[in-house]
Amino acid sequence: MTHFVKSIRMFTIMLAFVCLAITPARAEDSTPEQAQAMAEKAAAYVREHGPEAAAIEFNKAESEFIENDLYVFVVDKEGVFLAHPIKPALVGKNMIALKDVEGTPLIKLFTEVEGEAWVPYKWPHPVTKKILPKKSYIINVDGFILGVGAYYQE
């Protein structure tokens, strides 16, 4: 084996180790209790700062309302997304007809929450891609409907 081939092989091995070293490990999924706590914190933010300022804060990629796999999303009474920091392309889109794999109309159910409630549904896990039970804690603050979801075991 030539010196050049040995050098390339050694470089490839070293590069693989470096890539493994800098790849973040997947954090454990957050709990429903953590999701509820974040939703309640977000509702307090809406009440203190108003819906417009809250939507701006919730849409930021770097925000106190994003932690591990938790984030705040917001829809209005018609099912139009007002905030979604993970998928900003959804903002401004009416998703009232969105259903999970079992036909649960999750956005419609979110809009029907009068105060606070859990809404369960099935959703693909972002890492494993498996369809898993998920539920979002929804809080309706005068038609500004916010939620935070967490995967859980049935």
Protein backbone atom coordinates (compact mmCIF):
# COMPACT_ATOMS: atom_id res chain seq x y z
CA MET A 1 0.00 0.00 0.00
CA THR A 2 1.44 3.34 -0.97
CA HIS A 3 2.14 6.09 1.51
CA PHE A 4 -0.54 8.23 -0.18
CA VAL A 5 -3.24 5.57 0.30
CA LYS A 6 -2.24 5.07 3.95
CA SER A 7 -2.41 8.84 4.50
CA ILE A 8 -5.88 9.05 2.95
CA ARG A 9 -7.10 6.12 5.04
CA MET A 10 -5.72 7.67 8.25
CA PHE A 11 -7.27 11.04 7.37
CA THR A 12 -10.66 9.39 6.75
CA ILE A 13 -10.55 7.59 10.10
CA MET A 14 -9.57 10.77 11.94
CA LEU A 15 -12.32 12.72 10.18
CA ALA A 16 -14.89 10.11 11.23
CA PHE A 17 -13.81 10.41 14.87
CA VAL A 18 -13.99 14.20 14.73
CA CYS A 19 -17.49 14.07 13.23
CA LEU A 20 -18.64 11.69 15.95
CA ALA A 21 -17.13 13.89 18.63
CA ILE A 22 -18.92 17.05 17.48
CA THR A 23 -22.30 15.45 16.69
CA PRO A 24 -24.64 16.24 19.56
CA ALA A 25 -26.29 13.32 21.26
CA ARG A 26 -30.07 13.30 21.07
CA ALA A 27 -31.54 14.60 24.26
CA GLU A 28 -34.22 12.51 25.88
CA ASP A 29 -37.76 13.46 25.01
CA SER A 30 -39.25 16.03 27.33
CA THR A 31 -42.15 15.05 29.56
CA PRO A 32 -45.78 16.14 29.33
CA GLU A 33 -45.28 17.91 32.67
CA GLN A 34 -42.46 19.97 31.15
CA ALA A 35 -44.65 20.75 28.13
CA GLN A 36 -47.47 21.95 30.39
CA ALA A 37 -45.07 24.11 32.41
CA MET A 38 -43.74 25.75 29.24
CA ALA A 39 -47.29 26.35 27.94
CA GLU A 40 -48.26 27.99 31.23
CA LYS A 41 -45.12 30.15 31.10
CA ALA A 42 -46.00 31.15 27.52
CA ALA A 43 -49.59 32.03 28.51
CA ALA A 44 -48.23 34.27 31.27
CA TYR A 45 -45.99 35.94 28.67
CA VAL A 46 -49.01 36.60 26.42
CA ARG A 47 -50.97 38.10 29.31
CA GLU A 48 -48.04 40.34 30.29
CA HIS A 49 -46.77 41.43 26.85
CA GLY A 50 -49.78 40.97 24.57
CA PRO A 51 -50.36 38.60 21.63
CA GLU A 52 -48.35 40.54 19.03
CA ALA A 53 -45.17 40.70 21.14
CA ALA A 54 -45.67 37.08 22.19
CA ALA A 55 -45.97 35.89 18.58
CA ILE A 56 -42.69 37.64 17.76
CA GLU A 57 -40.97 36.01 20.73
CA PHE A 58 -42.44 32.55 20.05
CA ASN A 59 -41.33 32.70 16.39
CA LYS A 60 -37.68 33.34 17.25
CA ALA A 61 -35.30 30.48 16.51
CA GLU A 62 -33.46 31.39 19.73
CA SER A 63 -36.00 31.93 22.50
CA GLU A 64 -36.65 31.04 26.11
CA PHE A 65 -39.68 29.19 24.71
CA ILE A 66 -37.59 26.55 22.95
CA GLU A 67 -35.96 23.92 25.11
CA ASN A 68 -34.77 20.48 24.03
CA ASP A 69 -37.67 19.10 21.96
CA LEU A 70 -40.24 21.57 23.38
CA TYR A 71 -41.40 24.74 21.67
CA VAL A 72 -44.47 26.97 21.70
CA PHE A 73 -46.76 27.08 18.68
CA VAL A 74 -49.77 29.36 18.22
CA VAL A 75 -52.91 29.21 16.08
CA ASP A 76 -55.91 31.51 15.89
CA LYS A 77 -59.56 30.41 16.15
CA GLU A 78 -59.63 29.63 12.40
CA GLY A 79 -56.55 27.37 12.59
CA VAL A 80 -54.06 29.81 11.04
CA PHE A 81 -50.58 29.46 12.49
CA LEU A 82 -49.36 32.66 14.14
CA ALA A 83 -46.16 31.13 15.54
CA HIS A 84 -44.10 28.02 14.85
CA PRO A 85 -40.35 28.42 15.45
CA ILE A 86 -39.46 24.94 14.15
CA LYS A 87 -41.41 25.19 10.89
CA PRO A 88 -41.68 28.93 10.15
CA ALA A 89 -43.18 28.20 6.71
CA LEU A 90 -46.42 27.28 8.54
CA VAL A 91 -46.88 30.83 9.87
CA GLY A 92 -49.81 32.44 8.05
CA LYS A 93 -51.15 29.11 6.78
CA ASN A 94 -54.54 27.72 7.70
CA MET A 95 -54.00 24.16 8.89
CA ILE A 96 -57.48 23.51 10.35
CA ALA A 97 -57.86 20.40 8.14
CA LEU A 98 -54.62 18.76 9.36
CA LYS A 99 -55.21 15.25 10.72
CA ASP A 100 -52.92 12.69 12.26
CA VAL A 101 -52.50 9.15 10.89
CA GLU A 102 -55.65 8.00 12.70
CA GLY A 103 -57.78 10.88 11.38
CA THR A 104 -57.70 13.03 14.53
CA PRO A 105 -58.23 16.66 13.45
CA LEU A 106 -55.64 18.04 15.85
CA ILE A 107 -55.63 21.72 14.83
CA LYS A 108 -59.44 21.79 14.89
CA LEU A 109 -59.35 20.27 18.37
CA PHE A 110 -56.80 22.89 19.45
CA THR A 111 -59.15 25.68 18.33
CA GLU A 112 -62.04 24.18 20.31
CA VAL A 113 -60.23 24.43 23.66
CA GLU A 114 -61.96 27.10 25.74
CA GLY A 115 -59.53 27.31 28.66
CA GLU A 116 -56.76 24.75 29.06
CA ALA A 117 -56.69 21.10 28.00
CA TRP A 118 -54.58 18.23 26.74
CA VAL A 119 -55.16 17.19 23.12
CA PRO A 120 -53.79 13.70 22.32
CA TYR A 121 -52.86 12.52 18.82
CA LYS A 122 -50.30 10.35 16.99
CA TRP A 123 -47.32 12.01 15.35
CA PRO A 124 -44.02 10.95 13.74
CA HIS A 125 -41.09 11.27 16.12
CA PRO A 126 -38.53 13.64 14.55
CA VAL A 127 -35.60 11.30 15.26
CA THR A 128 -36.98 7.77 14.98
CA LYS A 129 -39.72 8.65 12.42
CA LYS A 130 -41.99 6.17 14.24
CA ILE A 131 -45.62 7.17 14.78
CA LEU A 132 -45.93 7.70 18.53
CA PRO A 133 -48.51 9.05 20.95
CA LYS A 134 -48.09 12.76 21.48
CA LYS A 135 -50.19 15.29 23.29
CA SER A 136 -50.15 19.04 23.37
CA TYR A 137 -51.11 21.18 26.32
CA ILE A 138 -53.31 23.88 24.81
CA ILE A 139 -54.13 27.20 26.45
CA ASN A 140 -56.62 29.60 24.89
CA VAL A 141 -55.78 33.19 25.85
CA ASP A 142 -58.67 35.20 24.34
CA GLY A 143 -58.52 33.41 20.99
CA PHE A 144 -54.71 33.30 20.94
CA ILE A 145 -54.37 29.52 21.14
CA LEU A 146 -50.94 28.33 22.19
CA GLY A 147 -49.62 24.88 22.81
CA VAL A 148 -46.60 22.79 23.63
CA GLY A 149 -46.47 19.09 22.76
CA ALA A 150 -44.65 16.10 24.21
CA TYR A 151 -44.37 12.44 23.31
CA TYR A 152 -45.50 10.00 25.96
CA GLN A 153 -46.11 6.31 26.55
CA GLU A 154 -49.69 5.09 26.68
